[in-house]
Structure formats: structure tokens, C-alpha cells
C-alpha atoms as a PDB file:
ATOM      1  CA  UNK A   1     136.077  13.833 167.773  1.00  0.00           C
ATOM      2  CA  UNK A   2     135.446  15.604 171.076  1.00  0.00           C
ATOM      3  CA  UNK A   3     138.142  18.008 172.181  1.00  0.00           C
ATOM      4  CA  UNK A   4     139.568  18.955 175.573  1.00  0.00           C
ATOM      5  CA  UNK A   5     140.943  22.399 174.713  1.00  0.00           C
ATOM      6  CA  UNK A   6     138.052  24.175 176.425  1.00  0.00           C
ATOM      7  CA  UNK A   7     134.545  23.641 177.743  1.00  0.00           C
ATOM      8  CA  UNK A   8     133.670  26.377 175.234  1.00  0.00           C
ATOM      9  CA  UNK A   9     134.048  23.731 172.525  1.00  0.00           C
ATOM     10  CA  UNK A  10     130.868  21.987 173.675  1.00  0.00           C
ATOM     11  CA  UNK A  11     127.513  22.637 172.041  1.00  0.00           C
ATOM     12  CA  UNK A  12     124.257  23.821 173.542  1.00  0.00           C
ATOM     13  CA  UNK A  13     122.788  21.455 176.113  1.00  0.00           C
ATOM     14  CA  UNK A  14     119.273  20.206 175.242  1.00  0.00           C
ATOM     15  CA  UNK A  15     117.537  21.956 178.141  1.00  0.00           C
ATOM     16  CA  UNK A  16     118.939  25.334 177.112  1.00  0.00           C
ATOM     17  CA  UNK A  17     118.154  24.735 173.441  1.00  0.00           C
ATOM     18  CA  UNK A  18     114.570  23.745 174.172  1.00  0.00           C
ATOM     19  CA  UNK A  19     114.058  26.893 176.258  1.00  0.00           C
ATOM     20  CA  UNK A  20     115.603  29.028 173.510  1.00  0.00           C
ATOM     21  CA  UNK A  21     113.259  27.572 170.892  1.00  0.00           C
ATOM     22  CA  UNK A  22     110.261  28.080 173.182  1.00  0.00           C
ATOM     23  CA  UNK A  23     111.108  31.779 173.418  1.00  0.00           C
ATOM     24  CA  UNK A  24     110.851  32.036 169.623  1.00  0.00           C
ATOM     25  CA  UNK A  25     107.035  31.732 169.666  1.00  0.00           C
ATOM     26  CA  UNK A  26     105.553  35.107 168.782  1.00  0.00           C
ATOM     27  CA  UNK A  27     106.478  38.682 169.618  1.00  0.00           C
ATOM     28  CA  UNK A  28     107.794  39.865 172.981  1.00  0.00           C
ATOM     29  CA  UNK A  29     108.969  43.173 174.470  1.00  0.00           C
ATOM     30  CA  UNK A  30     112.640  43.982 173.956  1.00  0.00           C
ATOM     31  CA  UNK A  31     115.545  45.078 176.137  1.00  0.00           C
ATOM     32  CA  UNK A  32     114.750  42.761 179.053  1.00  0.00           C
ATOM     33  CA  UNK A  33     111.090  43.669 179.500  1.00  0.00           C
ATOM     34  CA  UNK A  34     109.986  40.169 178.480  1.00  0.00           C
ATOM     35  CA  UNK A  35     108.580  37.406 180.663  1.00  0.00           C
ATOM     36  CA  UNK A  36     111.581  35.084 180.206  1.00  0.00           C
ATOM     37  CA  UNK A  37     114.042  37.602 181.594  1.00  0.00           C
ATOM     38  CA  UNK A  38     111.711  38.305 184.515  1.00  0.00           C
ATOM     39  CA  UNK A  39     111.231  34.588 185.259  1.00  0.00           C
ATOM     40  CA  UNK A  40     114.949  33.810 185.090  1.00  0.00           C
ATOM     41  CA  UNK A  41     115.814  36.740 187.341  1.00  0.00           C
ATOM     42  CA  UNK A  42     113.271  35.522 189.881  1.00  0.00           C
ATOM     43  CA  UNK A  43     114.602  31.984 189.571  1.00  0.00           C
ATOM     44  CA  UNK A  44     118.122  33.206 190.318  1.00  0.00           C
ATOM     45  CA  UNK A  45     116.817  35.010 193.393  1.00  0.00           C
ATOM     46  CA  UNK A  46     115.301  31.732 194.537  1.00  0.00           C
ATOM     47  CA  UNK A  47     118.520  29.868 193.806  1.00  0.00           C
ATOM     48  CA  UNK A  48     120.611  32.304 195.848  1.00  0.00           C
ATOM     49  CA  UNK A  49     117.941  32.722 198.524  1.00  0.00           C
ATOM     50  CA  UNK A  50     118.142  36.496 198.482  1.00  0.00           C
ATOM     51  CA  UNK A  51     116.722  39.534 196.688  1.00  0.00           C
ATOM     52  CA  UNK A  52     119.621  40.111 194.310  1.00  0.00           C
ATOM     53  CA  UNK A  53     119.794  42.344 191.242  1.00  0.00           C
ATOM     54  CA  UNK A  54     120.377  40.420 187.983  1.00  0.00           C
ATOM     55  CA  UNK A  55     121.707  41.498 184.569  1.00  0.00           C
ATOM     56  CA  UNK A  56     122.522  39.464 181.464  1.00  0.00           C
ATOM     57  CA  UNK A  57     125.481  40.172 179.175  1.00  0.00           C
ATOM     58  CA  UNK A  58     126.989  38.358 176.217  1.00  0.00           C
ATOM     59  CA  UNK A  59     130.285  37.060 177.581  1.00  0.00           C
ATOM     60  CA  UNK A  60     132.532  36.660 180.601  1.00  0.00           C
ATOM     61  CA  UNK A  61     134.956  39.449 179.794  1.00  0.00           C
ATOM     62  CA  UNK A  62     132.092  41.924 179.637  1.00  0.00           C
ATOM     63  CA  UNK A  63     130.594  40.557 182.847  1.00  0.00           C
ATOM     64  CA  UNK A  64     133.844  40.851 184.799  1.00  0.00           C
ATOM     65  CA  UNK A  65     134.894  44.159 183.294  1.00  0.00           C
ATOM     66  CA  UNK A  66     131.573  45.914 183.820  1.00  0.00           C
ATOM     67  CA  UNK A  67     131.077  44.502 187.309  1.00  0.00           C
ATOM     68  CA  UNK A  68     134.531  45.639 188.409  1.00  0.00           C
ATOM     69  CA  UNK A  69     134.004  49.027 186.772  1.00  0.00           C
ATOM     70  CA  UNK A  70     130.818  49.421 188.801  1.00  0.00           C
ATOM     71  CA  UNK A  71     132.823  48.895 191.985  1.00  0.00           C
ATOM     72  CA  UNK A  72     135.788  51.144 191.162  1.00  0.00           C
ATOM     73  CA  UNK A  73     136.766  54.662 190.292  1.00  0.00           C
ATOM     74  CA  UNK A  74     139.622  55.190 187.863  1.00  0.00           C
ATOM     75  CA  UNK A  75     142.087  55.844 190.691  1.00  0.00           C
ATOM     76  CA  UNK A  76     141.246  52.568 192.451  1.00  0.00           C
ATOM     77  CA  UNK A  77     142.867  49.154 192.135  1.00  0.00           C
ATOM     78  CA  UNK A  78     141.646  45.555 192.034  1.00  0.00           C
ATOM     79  CA  UNK A  79     143.507  42.796 193.857  1.00  0.00           C
ATOM     80  CA  UNK A  80     143.579  39.521 191.950  1.00  0.00           C
ATOM     81  CA  UNK A  81     145.581  36.317 191.754  1.00  0.00           C
ATOM     82  CA  UNK A  82     148.444  36.444 189.278  1.00  0.00           C
ATOM     83  CA  UNK A  83     146.739  33.713 187.207  1.00  0.00           C
ATOM     84  CA  UNK A  84     143.271  35.315 187.307  1.00  0.00           C
ATOM     85  CA  UNK A  85     141.432  35.559 184.019  1.00  0.00           C
ATOM     86  CA  UNK A  86     140.924  39.309 184.497  1.00  0.00           C
ATOM     87  CA  UNK A  87     144.716  39.674 184.558  1.00  0.00           C
ATOM     88  CA  UNK A  88     145.852  37.212 181.910  1.00  0.00           C
ATOM     89  CA  UNK A  89     143.057  36.771 179.370  1.00  0.00           C
ATOM     90  CA  UNK A  90     140.778  39.804 179.115  1.00  0.00           C
ATOM     91  CA  UNK A  91     142.929  42.109 176.981  1.00  0.00           C
ATOM     92  CA  UNK A  92     142.815  44.941 179.509  1.00  0.00           C
ATOM     93  CA  UNK A  93     139.007  44.930 179.609  1.00  0.00           C
ATOM     94  CA  UNK A  94     138.675  45.647 183.337  1.00  0.00           C
ATOM     95  CA  UNK A  95     141.103  48.556 183.071  1.00  0.00           C
ATOM     96  CA  UNK A  96     139.394  49.900 179.948  1.00  0.00           C
ATOM     97  CA  UNK A  97     135.822  49.870 181.260  1.00  0.00           C
ATOM     98  CA  UNK A  98     136.854  51.300 184.640  1.00  0.00           C
ATOM     99  CA  UNK A  99     138.774  54.114 182.904  1.00  0.00           C
ATOM    100  CA  UNK A 100     142.069  52.927 184.320  1.00  0.00           C
ATOM    101  CA  UNK A 101     141.616  51.043 187.599  1.00  0.00           C
ATOM    102  CA  UNK A 102     144.823  49.080 188.044  1.00  0.00           C
ATOM    103  CA  UNK A 103     145.013  45.336 188.643  1.00  0.00           C
ATOM    104  CA  UNK A 104     147.380  44.423 191.480  1.00  0.00           C
ATOM    105  CA  UNK A 105     148.416  40.780 191.455  1.00  0.00           C
ATOM    106  CA  UNK A 106     149.259  38.439 194.296  1.00  0.00           C
ATOM    107  CA  UNK A 107     150.509  34.887 194.452  1.00  0.00           C
ATOM    108  CA  UNK A 108     148.768  31.974 196.059  1.00  0.00           C
ATOM    109  CA  UNK A 109     149.075  28.199 196.002  1.00  0.00           C
ATOM    110  CA  UNK A 110     146.658  26.380 193.730  1.00  0.00           C
ATOM    111  CA  UNK A 111     145.472  29.541 192.034  1.00  0.00           C
ATOM    112  CA  UNK A 112     143.850  30.882 195.219  1.00  0.00           C
ATOM    113  CA  UNK A 113     144.160  34.144 197.074  1.00  0.00           C
ATOM    114  CA  UNK A 114     144.581  34.014 200.846  1.00  0.00           C
ATOM    115  CA  UNK A 115     143.898  36.688 203.468  1.00  0.00           C
ATOM    116  CA  UNK A 116     147.649  37.005 203.972  1.00  0.00           C
ATOM    117  CA  UNK A 117     148.264  37.612 200.277  1.00  0.00           C
ATOM    118  CA  UNK A 118     145.495  40.203 200.128  1.00  0.00           C
ATOM    119  CA  UNK A 119     146.757  41.924 203.271  1.00  0.00           C
ATOM    120  CA  UNK A 120     150.237  42.184 201.763  1.00  0.00           C
ATOM    121  CA  UNK A 121     148.891  43.975 198.696  1.00  0.00           C
ATOM    122  CA  UNK A 122     146.698  46.299 200.748  1.00  0.00           C
ATOM    123  CA  UNK A 123     149.623  47.264 202.966  1.00  0.00           C
ATOM    124  CA  UNK A 124     152.163  47.839 200.183  1.00  0.00           C
ATOM    125  CA  UNK A 125     151.463  51.543 200.053  1.00  0.00           C
ATOM    126  CA  UNK A 126     148.844  54.008 201.254  1.00  0.00           C
ATOM    127  CA  UNK A 127     150.149  57.253 199.798  1.00  0.00           C
ATOM    128  CA  UNK A 128     148.327  59.334 197.225  1.00  0.00           C
ATOM    129  CA  UNK A 129     150.747  58.336 194.462  1.00  0.00           C
ATOM    130  CA  UNK A 130     149.537  54.715 194.425  1.00  0.00           C
ATOM    131  CA  UNK A 131     146.143  53.408 193.211  1.00  0.00           C
ATOM    132  CA  UNK A 132     143.933  52.804 196.218  1.00  0.00           C
ATOM    133  CA  UNK A 133     142.771  49.155 196.658  1.00  0.00           C
ATOM    134  CA  UNK A 134     139.021  48.955 196.294  1.00  0.00           C
ATOM    135  CA  UNK A 135     138.088  45.401 195.222  1.00  0.00           C
ATOM    136  CA  UNK A 136     139.267  41.841 195.734  1.00  0.00           C
ATOM    137  CA  UNK A 137     138.317  39.453 192.944  1.00  0.00           C
ATOM    138  CA  UNK A 138     138.196  35.676 193.404  1.00  0.00           C
ATOM    139  CA  UNK A 139     137.902  33.121 190.607  1.00  0.00           C
ATOM    140  CA  UNK A 140     135.580  30.193 191.353  1.00  0.00           C
ATOM    141  CA  UNK A 141     136.570  27.625 190.173  1.00  0.00           C
ATOM    142  CA  UNK A 142     140.107  28.958 189.765  1.00  0.00           C
ATOM    143  CA  UNK A 143     142.090  29.168 186.558  1.00  0.00           C
ATOM    144  CA  UNK A 144     143.921  25.973 187.529  1.00  0.00           C
ATOM    145  CA  UNK A 145     140.826  23.968 188.388  1.00  0.00           C
ATOM    146  CA  UNK A 146     140.806  24.255 192.172  1.00  0.00           C
ATOM    147  CA  UNK A 147     137.877  25.516 194.246  1.00  0.00           C
ATOM    148  CA  UNK A 148     137.519  27.862 197.194  1.00  0.00           C
ATOM    149  CA  UNK A 149     135.764  26.342 200.203  1.00  0.00           C
ATOM    150  CA  UNK A 150     133.134  28.546 201.908  1.00  0.00           C
ATOM    151  CA  UNK A 151     135.487  29.263 204.808  1.00  0.00           C
ATOM    152  CA  UNK A 152     138.239  30.332 202.378  1.00  0.00           C
ATOM    153  CA  UNK A 153     135.914  32.767 200.614  1.00  0.00           C
ATOM    154  CA  UNK A 154     134.676  34.099 203.949  1.00  0.00           C
ATOM    155  CA  UNK A 155     138.207  34.635 205.286  1.00  0.00           C
ATOM    156  CA  UNK A 156     139.221  36.734 202.274  1.00  0.00           C
ATOM    157  CA  UNK A 157     135.932  38.627 202.281  1.00  0.00           C
ATOM    158  CA  UNK A 158     136.168  39.397 205.991  1.00  0.00           C
ATOM    159  CA  UNK A 159     139.605  40.913 205.544  1.00  0.00           C
ATOM    160  CA  UNK A 160     138.531  42.834 202.454  1.00  0.00           C
ATOM    161  CA  UNK A 161     135.463  44.311 204.098  1.00  0.00           C
ATOM    162  CA  UNK A 162     137.458  45.228 207.196  1.00  0.00           C
ATOM    163  CA  UNK A 163     139.634  47.406 204.946  1.00  0.00           C
ATOM    164  CA  UNK A 164     136.714  48.913 203.049  1.00  0.00           C
ATOM    165  CA  UNK A 165     137.097  46.722 199.946  1.00  0.00           C
ATOM    166  CA  UNK A 166     134.340  45.009 197.968  1.00  0.00           C
ATOM    167  CA  UNK A 167     134.453  41.359 196.869  1.00  0.00           C
ATOM    168  CA  UNK A 168     133.839  40.286 193.286  1.00  0.00           C
ATOM    169  CA  UNK A 169     133.672  36.673 192.141  1.00  0.00           C
ATOM    170  CA  UNK A 170     134.504  35.565 188.605  1.00  0.00           C
ATOM    171  CA  UNK A 171     132.257  32.533 188.340  1.00  0.00           C
ATOM    172  CA  UNK A 172     132.862  31.438 184.767  1.00  0.00           C
ATOM    173  CA  UNK A 173     132.820  27.875 186.148  1.00  0.00           C
ATOM    174  CA  UNK A 174     130.765  28.626 189.244  1.00  0.00           C
ATOM    175  CA  UNK A 175     128.449  25.705 188.528  1.00  0.00           C
ATOM    176  CA  UNK A 176     131.385  23.268 188.603  1.00  0.00           C
ATOM    177  CA  UNK A 177     132.496  24.652 191.952  1.00  0.00           C
ATOM    178  CA  UNK A 178     129.014  24.281 193.436  1.00  0.00           C
ATOM    179  CA  UNK A 179     128.776  20.713 192.141  1.00  0.00           C
ATOM    180  CA  UNK A 180     132.220  19.863 193.505  1.00  0.00           C
ATOM    181  CA  UNK A 181     131.555  21.312 196.951  1.00  0.00           C
ATOM    182  CA  UNK A 182     127.976  20.130 197.337  1.00  0.00           C
ATOM    183  CA  UNK A 183     126.946  23.393 198.999  1.00  0.00           C
ATOM    184  CA  UNK A 184     124.153  25.881 198.429  1.00  0.00           C
ATOM    185  CA  UNK A 185     125.136  28.646 195.971  1.00  0.00           C
ATOM    186  CA  UNK A 186     124.506  31.192 198.728  1.00  0.00           C
ATOM    187  CA  UNK A 187     127.108  29.534 200.956  1.00  0.00           C
ATOM    188  CA  UNK A 188     130.000  30.457 198.665  1.00  0.00           C
ATOM    189  CA  UNK A 189     128.665  33.839 197.599  1.00  0.00           C
ATOM    190  CA  UNK A 190     126.755  36.397 199.675  1.00  0.00           C
ATOM    191  CA  UNK A 191     126.693  34.376 202.884  1.00  0.00           C
ATOM    192  CA  UNK A 192     130.486  34.205 202.653  1.00  0.00           C
ATOM    193  CA  UNK A 193     130.777  37.929 201.912  1.00  0.00           C
ATOM    194  CA  UNK A 194     130.721  38.141 198.087  1.00  0.00           C
ATOM    195  CA  UNK A 195     129.165  41.398 196.875  1.00  0.00           C
ATOM    196  CA  UNK A 196     128.804  40.617 193.170  1.00  0.00           C
ATOM    197  CA  UNK A 197     129.050  37.377 191.173  1.00  0.00           C
ATOM    198  CA  UNK A 198     129.590  36.918 187.459  1.00  0.00           C
ATOM    199  CA  UNK A 199     127.740  33.622 186.971  1.00  0.00           C
ATOM    200  CA  UNK A 200     129.003  31.840 183.865  1.00  0.00           C
ATOM    201  CA  UNK A 201     126.428  30.415 181.477  1.00  0.00           C
ATOM    202  CA  UNK A 202     128.367  29.630 178.317  1.00  0.00           C
ATOM    203  CA  UNK A 203     130.690  27.052 179.829  1.00  0.00           C
ATOM    204  CA  UNK A 204     127.820  25.199 181.493  1.00  0.00           C
ATOM    205  CA  UNK A 205     125.964  24.605 178.225  1.00  0.00           C
ATOM    206  CA  UNK A 206     124.268  27.842 177.160  1.00  0.00           C
ATOM    207  CA  UNK A 207     124.732  29.128 173.609  1.00  0.00           C
ATOM    208  CA  UNK A 208     125.891  32.504 174.929  1.00  0.00           C
ATOM    209  CA  UNK A 209     125.471  34.690 177.965  1.00  0.00           C
ATOM    210  CA  UNK A 210     126.532  35.346 181.544  1.00  0.00           C
ATOM    211  CA  UNK A 211     124.569  36.688 184.513  1.00  0.00           C
ATOM    212  CA  UNK A 212     125.899  39.518 186.677  1.00  0.00           C
ATOM    213  CA  UNK A 213     124.374  39.112 190.118  1.00  0.00           C
ATOM    214  CA  UNK A 214     124.593  41.966 192.621  1.00  0.00           C
ATOM    215  CA  UNK A 215     123.888  40.751 196.145  1.00  0.00           C
ATOM    216  CA  UNK A 216     124.173  44.322 197.395  1.00  0.00           C
ATOM    217  CA  UNK A 217     121.696  46.199 195.216  1.00  0.00           C
ATOM    218  CA  UNK A 218     123.250  49.555 196.113  1.00  0.00           C
ATOM    219  CA  UNK A 219     126.283  48.588 194.028  1.00  0.00           C
ATOM    220  CA  UNK A 220     124.251  48.118 190.840  1.00  0.00           C
ATOM    221  CA  UNK A 221     123.032  51.680 190.602  1.00  0.00           C
ATOM    222  CA  UNK A 222     123.143  52.734 186.931  1.00  0.00           C
ATOM    223  CA  UNK A 223     124.517  49.307 185.917  1.00  0.00           C
ATOM    224  CA  UNK A 224     121.864  49.019 183.194  1.00  0.00           C
ATOM    225  CA  UNK A 225     123.240  52.192 181.595  1.00  0.00           C
ATOM    226  CA  UNK A 226     126.765  50.813 181.879  1.00  0.00           C
ATOM    227  CA  UNK A 227     125.675  47.667 180.010  1.00  0.00           C
ATOM    228  CA  UNK A 228     123.980  49.728 177.305  1.00  0.00           C
ATOM    229  CA  UNK A 229     127.008  51.950 176.771  1.00  0.00           C
ATOM    230  CA  UNK A 230     129.263  48.893 176.489  1.00  0.00           C
ATOM    231  CA  UNK A 231     127.089  47.288 173.821  1.00  0.00           C
ATOM    232  CA  UNK A 232     125.927  44.561 176.203  1.00  0.00           C
ATOM    233  CA  UNK A 233     122.186  45.321 176.305  1.00  0.00           C
ATOM    234  CA  UNK A 234     120.540  42.738 174.059  1.00  0.00           C
ATOM    235  CA  UNK A 235     117.599  44.164 172.126  1.00  0.00           C
ATOM    236  CA  UNK A 236     116.017  40.697 171.920  1.00  0.00           C
ATOM    237  CA  UNK A 237     116.977  39.913 175.499  1.00  0.00           C
ATOM    238  CA  UNK A 238     114.724  36.879 175.736  1.00  0.00           C
ATOM    239  CA  UNK A 239     117.098  34.897 173.539  1.00  0.00           C
ATOM    240  CA  UNK A 240     119.908  35.651 175.982  1.00  0.00           C
ATOM    241  CA  UNK A 241     117.912  34.912 179.136  1.00  0.00           C
ATOM    242  CA  UNK A 242     115.551  32.096 178.125  1.00  0.00           C
ATOM    243  CA  UNK A 243     118.251  29.384 177.912  1.00  0.00           C
ATOM    244  CA  UNK A 244     118.977  30.085 181.590  1.00  0.00           C
ATOM    245  CA  UNK A 245     115.421  29.096 182.379  1.00  0.00           C
ATOM    246  CA  UNK A 246     115.951  25.695 180.798  1.00  0.00           C
ATOM    247  CA  UNK A 247     119.125  25.190 182.820  1.00  0.00           C
ATOM    248  CA  UNK A 248     117.788  26.359 186.174  1.00  0.00           C
ATOM    249  CA  UNK A 249     114.325  24.805 186.202  1.00  0.00           C
ATOM    250  CA  UNK A 250     114.846  21.167 187.062  1.00  0.00           C
ATOM    251  CA  UNK A 251     118.484  21.518 188.099  1.00  0.00           C
ATOM    252  CA  UNK A 252     120.095  20.713 184.741  1.00  0.00           C
ATOM    253  CA  UNK A 253     122.898  23.195 185.457  1.00  0.00           C
ATOM    254  CA  UNK A 254     124.051  21.193 188.471  1.00  0.00           C
ATOM    255  CA  UNK A 255     123.668  17.774 186.844  1.00  0.00           C
ATOM    256  CA  UNK A 256     125.706  18.805 183.826  1.00  0.00           C
ATOM    257  CA  UNK A 257     128.393  20.374 186.014  1.00  0.00           C
ATOM    258  CA  UNK A 258     128.637  17.219 188.111  1.00  0.00           C
ATOM    259  CA  UNK A 259     129.055  15.173 184.936  1.00  0.00           C
ATOM    260  CA  UNK A 260     131.861  17.415 183.670  1.00  0.00           C
ATOM    261  CA  UNK A 261     133.586  17.123 187.047  1.00  0.00           C
ATOM    262  CA  UNK A 262     133.217  13.339 186.980  1.00  0.00           C
ATOM    263  CA  UNK A 263     134.804  13.164 183.532  1.00  0.00           C
ATOM    264  CA  UNK A 264     137.753  15.209 184.829  1.00  0.00           C
ATOM    265  CA  UNK A 265     138.157  12.719 187.666  1.00  0.00           C
ATOM    266  CA  UNK A 266     138.037   9.848 185.170  1.00  0.00           C
ATOM    267  CA  UNK A 267     140.741  11.529 183.119  1.00  0.00           C
ATOM    268  CA  UNK A 268     142.908  12.246 186.159  1.00  0.00           C
ATOM    269  CA  UNK A 269     142.628   8.648 187.356  1.00  0.00           C
ATOM    270  CA  UNK A 270     143.744   7.382 183.969  1.00  0.00           C
ATOM    271  CA  UNK A 271     146.680   9.779 183.821  1.00  0.00           C
ATOM    272  CA  UNK A 272     147.977   8.419 187.128  1.00  0.00           C
ATOM    273  CA  UNK A 273     149.122   5.252 185.396  1.00  0.00           C
ATOM    274  CA  UNK A 274     150.843   6.870 182.403  1.00  0.00           C
ATOM    275  CA  UNK A 275     154.648   7.203 182.521  1.00  0.00           C
ATOM    276  CA  UNK A 276     155.852  10.803 182.326  1.00  0.00           C
ATOM    277  CA  UNK A 277     152.451  12.313 183.118  1.00  0.00           C
ATOM    278  CA  UNK A 278     152.312  14.414 186.283  1.00  0.00           C
ATOM    279  CA  UNK A 279     149.320  16.313 187.625  1.00  0.00           C
ATOM    280  CA  UNK A 280     150.202  19.929 188.357  1.00  0.00           C
ATOM    281  CA  UNK A 281     147.205  20.795 190.539  1.00  0.00           C
ATOM    282  CA  UNK A 282     144.499  18.919 192.436  1.00  0.00           C
ATOM    283  CA  UNK A 283     141.579  18.014 190.174  1.00  0.00           C
ATOM    284  CA  UNK A 284     138.598  19.564 191.949  1.00  0.00           C
ATOM    285  CA  UNK A 285     136.337  20.854 189.169  1.00  0.00           C
ATOM    286  CA  UNK A 286     136.269  20.082 185.435  1.00  0.00           C
ATOM    287  CA  UNK A 287     139.870  20.913 184.514  1.00  0.00           C
ATOM    288  CA  UNK A 288     142.924  18.669 184.490  1.00  0.00           C
ATOM    289  CA  UNK A 289     146.376  20.265 184.378  1.00  0.00           C
ATOM    290  CA  UNK A 290     149.136  17.825 183.540  1.00  0.00           C
ATOM    291  CA  UNK A 291     152.835  18.002 182.678  1.00  0.00           C
ATOM    292  CA  UNK A 292     153.605  15.925 179.595  1.00  0.00           C
ATOM    293  CA  UNK A 293     156.862  15.401 177.661  1.00  0.00           C
ATOM    294  CA  UNK A 294     157.118  17.576 174.568  1.00  0.00           C
ATOM    295  CA  UNK A 295     157.195  14.514 172.352  1.00  0.00           C
ATOM    296  CA  UNK A 296     153.884  13.335 173.800  1.00  0.00           C
ATOM    297  CA  UNK A 297     152.300  16.746 173.327  1.00  0.00           C
ATOM    298  CA  UNK A 298     153.430  16.809 169.712  1.00  0.00           C
ATOM    299  CA  UNK A 299     152.150  13.293 169.183  1.00  0.00           C
ATOM    300  CA  UNK A 300     148.731  14.172 170.554  1.00  0.00           C
ATOM    301  CA  UNK A 301     148.445  17.184 168.289  1.00  0.00           C
ATOM    302  CA  UNK A 302     149.513  15.099 165.314  1.00  0.00           C
ATOM    303  CA  UNK A 303     146.621  12.756 166.089  1.00  0.00           C
ATOM    304  CA  UNK A 304     144.150  15.642 166.100  1.00  0.00           C
ATOM    305  CA  UNK A 305     143.865  16.411 169.808  1.00  0.00           C
ATOM    306  CA  UNK A 306     143.650  20.093 170.748  1.00  0.00           C
ATOM    307  CA  UNK A 307     144.628  21.558 174.114  1.00  0.00           C
ATOM    308  CA  UNK A 308     146.209  24.663 175.563  1.00  0.00           C
ATOM    309  CA  UNK A 309     149.563  24.977 177.289  1.00  0.00           C
ATOM    310  CA  UNK A 310     149.905  28.742 177.737  1.00  0.00           C
ATOM    311  CA  UNK A 311     147.631  28.735 180.795  1.00  0.00           C
ATOM    312  CA  UNK A 312     148.725  25.515 182.463  1.00  0.00           C
ATOM    313  CA  UNK A 313     151.942  26.425 184.276  1.00  0.00           C
ATOM    314  CA  UNK A 314     153.996  24.801 181.554  1.00  0.00           C
ATOM    315  CA  UNK A 315     151.783  21.752 181.168  1.00  0.00           C
ATOM    316  CA  UNK A 316     148.646  20.898 179.230  1.00  0.00           C
ATOM    317  CA  UNK A 317     145.164  22.027 180.237  1.00  0.00           C
ATOM    318  CA  UNK A 318     142.508  19.420 179.509  1.00  0.00           C
ATOM    319  CA  UNK A 319     138.946  20.648 180.065  1.00  0.00           C
ATOM    320  CA  UNK A 320     135.879  18.449 180.362  1.00  0.00           C
ATOM    321  CA  UNK A 321     132.426  19.767 179.500  1.00  0.00           C
ATOM    322  CA  UNK A 322     128.765  19.007 180.137  1.00  0.00           C
ATOM    323  CA  UNK A 323     128.720  16.692 177.109  1.00  0.00           C
ATOM    324  CA  UNK A 324     132.105  14.965 177.442  1.00  0.00           C
ATOM    325  CA  UNK A 325     131.663  11.247 176.747  1.00  0.00           C
ATOM    326  CA  UNK A 326     133.495   8.627 178.826  1.00  0.00           C
ATOM    327  CA  UNK A 327     134.558   7.119 175.495  1.00  0.00           C
ATOM    328  CA  UNK A 328     136.245  10.405 174.541  1.00  0.00           C
ATOM    329  CA  UNK A 329     138.199  10.405 177.797  1.00  0.00           C
ATOM    330  CA  UNK A 330     139.216   6.793 177.232  1.00  0.00           C
ATOM    331  CA  UNK A 331     140.287   7.507 173.644  1.00  0.00           C
ATOM    332  CA  UNK A 332     142.528  10.351 174.790  1.00  0.00           C
ATOM    333  CA  UNK A 333     144.017   8.154 177.509  1.00  0.00           C
ATOM    334  CA  UNK A 334     144.635   5.353 175.002  1.00  0.00           C
ATOM    335  CA  UNK A 335     146.617   7.696 172.752  1.00  0.00           C
ATOM    336  CA  UNK A 336     148.519   9.020 175.764  1.00  0.00           C
ATOM    337  CA  UNK A 337     149.474   5.498 176.828  1.00  0.00           C
ATOM    338  CA  UNK A 338     150.622   4.588 173.334  1.00  0.00           C
ATOM    339  CA  UNK A 339     152.652   7.761 172.897  1.00  0.00           C
ATOM    340  CA  UNK A 340     154.233   7.406 176.363  1.00  0.00           C
ATOM    341  CA  UNK A 341     155.224   3.775 175.987  1.00  0.00           C
END
């Protein structure tokens, strides 16, 4: 029974698994000195059409926390949306690894920051008693399944840079955003003003691992040492990086993301005809956020369906993944119709 609690529930996609197994043949240098890590880093530079600096870490919390720590001193602050993962679901990781940089939250419709919201936070105070804003972080796709258009990213980045702030992007579901927008990855990152991207691998079908991509190489000075100190330098790095090669060569990452997005659209279309079901946010990536009566939620759980409600503005979050079957979507919808009748 496929679940919709998270795209983390999905297994390893075949392209990533094949690349992982290929990296098993024989000995190889450790700590990122292997050919797979070099090839993947070069492939990412080709994908983003720029000479970026690339690092691989085990998970998204480490990627975000270490990237933000590289951009901040302890007396700085990071501006984020009130629903951002760095604020709500990383157990204080960004604050811990930056030795105390404070997260300052702002509101925004559909989980997005706007230039106006960022400006309000920047202008709250400028005295020495308040942590100085240093970074704006954007989540792409957002925590409620919406996506920033290139112009939206650029508008926030332009304001941030004008005030001396850097721009970080939490791209745990970056692939879904790219697939939804149909744009080049560069168009919603460095060309739009993003300084560093945490490119999510796990949610797009890798067994483990995220890539931290610095578009401004000056910002990654000593980042390798930061990763080592945080326990994020893999000794057998090829097993962390090789699956990326399987995803990137041939475009599997984008095909799988497009499929996950299509399954979310299928689910949203089916929900439209169910009494008592109400979409809470536009379905733009691979997440569907829906308000359901408590009795329906209880009924779904009694039938074995798993989903989260603590991050869905009072509703249920239903996530589709690279391997979500149309039949699984239809089975969930069938139970929803029966329970709502």
C-alpha cells in the first residue's frame, strides 16, 4: 500500500540504484576524491550553466544549517517565511550550527516571501541590540506546495542584495519546482540572484544525500571543514554522490519530478468532486493540502492511510512521489468518496 505522508516514503529510483551499484566495483579514493564525485560536480555545473562549488551532505537539515552558517556570524539573523522548514522542522539546526544566528519570520500568502515582507523585517530595527539581518532564505517548492516564479525570486533577491543580504534557497523539492515551471535551473537560482542552493536529492528518488551548491564561490571558503566538523563528510563519498549521476545523466530527475507533480494534479482533480474536501493552497508541485472533516481523517487512518496534519494549516498534507502509481491515487480517492458520502 503506497502512502501519501511524505515523498520520503518512496524507495530508490532505478537510475539512482543502478549508479550506486556501479560505484561498488573495486576500490576508490575516499572523502570526495573519487571519479564519481568529480563527474557529478561537473554535471551539476553543466546543469546550472555556471562554475559553481558543489558539496554533498547526508540530509536536508544539515544542508540548510551548514549553508546558512556559512553565510552568517552568530550576531546575524536569517529572514524566512513563518512556515519555512528551517523554522518549523529543523530542531534549531540553523541556530546551532551558526552559533546563534536568529531566525526572523515573516508572513506571506501561499507560503511565499515577498519583497514587502522582507523589507518590513529588515526595517524593524537597526540598533546594536537586535540581530543584524544577513540572509533571506526561500523554500522552493514551498512548504505548502506552491512555487516561486523566476520574477518572484528575482524581486526578493534584488531587495536583499540592495540591503547587503545574501539569498539562500532551500530546494528540498527543487526538482518539482523546475518541472512545474518548465524553466532552466539557472533561471530560478543564480540568474535570479540566489547565492547558494540546497538541492534536494532524497525526495527525488536518491537513497540519501543533498547537494549544497554555491553559485558565489567566495561564500564557500572553508565549507569543506565545516562539513567535516559537523559529521557530514562521507568517508566513502562515492556512495553519496554516485546516485546523483544516475539521476542527472539522461534527465531522470526531471522526468520523475514531472510524474510526481502529475500525480498531485490527479489527486487534486479527484478531490474537487468530494463533499467536504477543500483545497487549502494551489497545487503547483507534488503536494496537495486539503481540509477534511475529522471523521473522514479518522476513517482514512483506520483504513491504513498515513498523512500529516501538523504542517498543513489545519488540513491534511498528501505528498506524491516519483513512484506514486495512478492506482494508488485512485484508491485513496475511492476511500475518500466512500467516507464522505
